[in-house]
Amino acid sequence: SPRAYNEPIYSIARGKISSIYTDRDGALIVTVLHTFNNVNITSQYVHLSRYADIYVGKEVTENDILGYMGSTGKSTGPHLHWEMRLNMEAINPDFFVETYPTIFLQEKEKFFRQ
């Protein structure tokens, strides 16, 4: 479903904020490090309109707002560019769903709030 400008963006799961920055094109970005069964996976949230009250190193849960829907950087309208990475390589989120189904099922309703 379409999302609104400034709608809150939540972390996909528990983790720690590992970076908050603006890229060279002006996109506001937050990266969260998640550790599942001793495996580090990052989730990245791009094109935010603004950041929430966050800082690098902050522990977050699926109930914490990272920022707000926006259109910063090279973007044609408000949306969330969401990535997951394993060992710095982008992965299909299906990997997360298939590898950690219990965690994903517990968290997905909170991430994909209506």
Protein backbone atom coordinates (compact mmCIF):
# COMPACT_ATOMS: atom_id res chain seq x y z
CA SER A 1 0.00 0.00 0.00
CA PRO A 2 1.19 3.56 -0.61
CA ARG A 3 2.93 5.22 2.30
CA ALA A 4 2.76 8.81 3.44
CA TYR A 5 5.52 11.37 3.72
CA ASN A 6 6.79 11.53 7.33
CA GLU A 7 5.22 8.17 8.26
CA PRO A 8 7.37 6.54 11.00
CA ILE A 9 9.90 3.89 9.94
CA TYR A 10 10.60 1.12 12.46
CA SER A 11 13.52 -1.28 12.77
CA ILE A 12 12.81 -4.73 11.31
CA ALA A 13 14.12 -6.39 14.52
CA ARG A 14 16.24 -5.84 17.63
CA GLY A 15 19.70 -4.50 16.95
CA LYS A 16 22.15 -1.65 17.39
CA ILE A 17 22.42 1.44 15.21
CA SER A 18 25.75 1.19 13.41
CA SER A 19 25.58 4.28 11.19
CA ILE A 20 23.57 7.43 10.55
CA TYR A 21 24.61 9.53 7.58
CA THR A 22 23.73 11.48 4.47
CA ASP A 23 25.14 10.06 1.24
CA ARG A 24 26.68 12.20 -1.52
CA ASP A 25 23.29 12.50 -3.23
CA GLY A 26 21.63 13.79 -0.06
CA ALA A 27 19.80 10.63 1.01
CA LEU A 28 19.37 10.28 4.77
CA ILE A 29 20.36 6.74 5.79
CA VAL A 30 20.23 4.64 8.97
CA THR A 31 21.93 1.23 9.30
CA VAL A 32 21.09 -1.25 12.07
CA LEU A 33 23.26 -4.25 12.99
CA HIS A 34 21.30 -7.37 13.97
CA THR A 35 22.93 -10.49 15.41
CA PHE A 36 21.02 -13.75 15.02
CA ASN A 37 22.64 -17.01 16.12
CA ASN A 38 26.10 -15.34 16.00
CA VAL A 39 25.48 -14.11 12.45
CA ASN A 40 25.66 -10.35 11.81
CA ILE A 41 23.13 -8.97 9.38
CA THR A 42 22.51 -5.29 8.72
CA SER A 43 19.33 -3.59 7.64
CA GLN A 44 19.49 -0.22 5.95
CA TYR A 45 16.76 2.41 5.64
CA VAL A 46 17.25 5.03 2.90
CA HIS A 47 15.53 8.25 1.71
CA LEU A 48 14.28 9.26 5.18
CA SER A 49 12.85 12.77 5.53
CA ARG A 50 14.45 13.10 8.97
CA TYR A 51 15.95 10.99 11.71
CA ALA A 52 14.20 10.07 14.94
CA ASP A 53 15.94 10.58 18.30
CA ILE A 54 18.72 8.08 17.57
CA TYR A 55 22.50 7.83 17.77
CA VAL A 56 25.20 5.38 16.71
CA GLY A 57 25.42 2.59 19.27
CA LYS A 58 21.82 2.93 20.43
CA GLU A 59 20.11 -0.40 21.08
CA VAL A 60 16.80 -0.54 19.19
CA THR A 61 13.84 -2.87 19.13
CA GLU A 62 11.13 -3.43 16.60
CA ASN A 63 9.11 -0.77 18.46
CA ASP A 64 11.68 1.98 17.96
CA ILE A 65 11.28 4.62 15.28
CA LEU A 66 14.46 5.14 13.25
CA GLY A 67 13.24 7.98 11.08
CA TYR A 68 10.41 9.11 8.86
CA MET A 69 9.37 8.35 5.28
CA GLY A 70 10.90 10.75 2.84
CA SER A 71 12.28 11.40 -0.60
CA THR A 72 15.84 12.56 0.08
CA GLY A 73 18.66 11.87 -2.35
CA LYS A 74 17.93 10.52 -5.83
CA SER A 75 14.25 9.83 -5.36
CA THR A 76 11.12 10.71 -7.29
CA GLY A 77 8.73 10.51 -4.34
CA PRO A 78 8.33 9.38 -0.75
CA HIS A 79 9.28 5.75 -0.25
CA LEU A 80 11.54 3.53 1.82
CA HIS A 81 14.52 1.88 0.18
CA TRP A 82 15.17 -1.04 2.54
CA GLU A 83 18.15 -3.40 2.24
CA MET A 84 19.53 -6.31 4.18
CA ARG A 85 23.23 -7.20 4.04
CA LEU A 86 25.29 -10.17 5.11
CA ASN A 87 29.07 -9.65 5.17
CA MET A 88 28.57 -6.26 3.46
CA GLU A 89 26.84 -7.91 0.48
CA ALA A 90 23.21 -7.13 -0.28
CA ILE A 91 21.02 -10.17 0.22
CA ASN A 92 17.50 -11.00 -0.78
CA PRO A 93 15.33 -10.53 2.33
CA ASP A 94 13.98 -14.01 1.58
CA PHE A 95 17.30 -15.28 3.03
CA PHE A 96 16.37 -13.66 6.33
CA VAL A 97 12.83 -15.04 6.17
CA GLU A 98 14.00 -18.58 5.31
CA THR A 99 16.99 -18.66 7.70
CA TYR A 100 15.30 -17.01 10.68
CA PRO A 101 11.57 -17.65 10.11
CA THR A 102 10.57 -17.50 13.76
CA ILE A 103 12.23 -14.11 14.27
CA PHE A 104 10.83 -12.76 11.02
CA LEU A 105 7.28 -13.90 11.74
CA GLN A 106 7.42 -12.29 15.18
CA GLU A 107 8.76 -9.03 13.78
CA LYS A 108 7.08 -8.65 10.39
CA GLU A 109 3.72 -7.44 11.66
CA LYS A 110 5.45 -4.67 13.59
CA PHE A 111 7.57 -3.63 10.58
CA PHE A 112 4.75 -3.72 8.05
CA ARG A 113 2.23 -1.79 10.16
CA GLN A 114 -0.78 -0.43 8.35
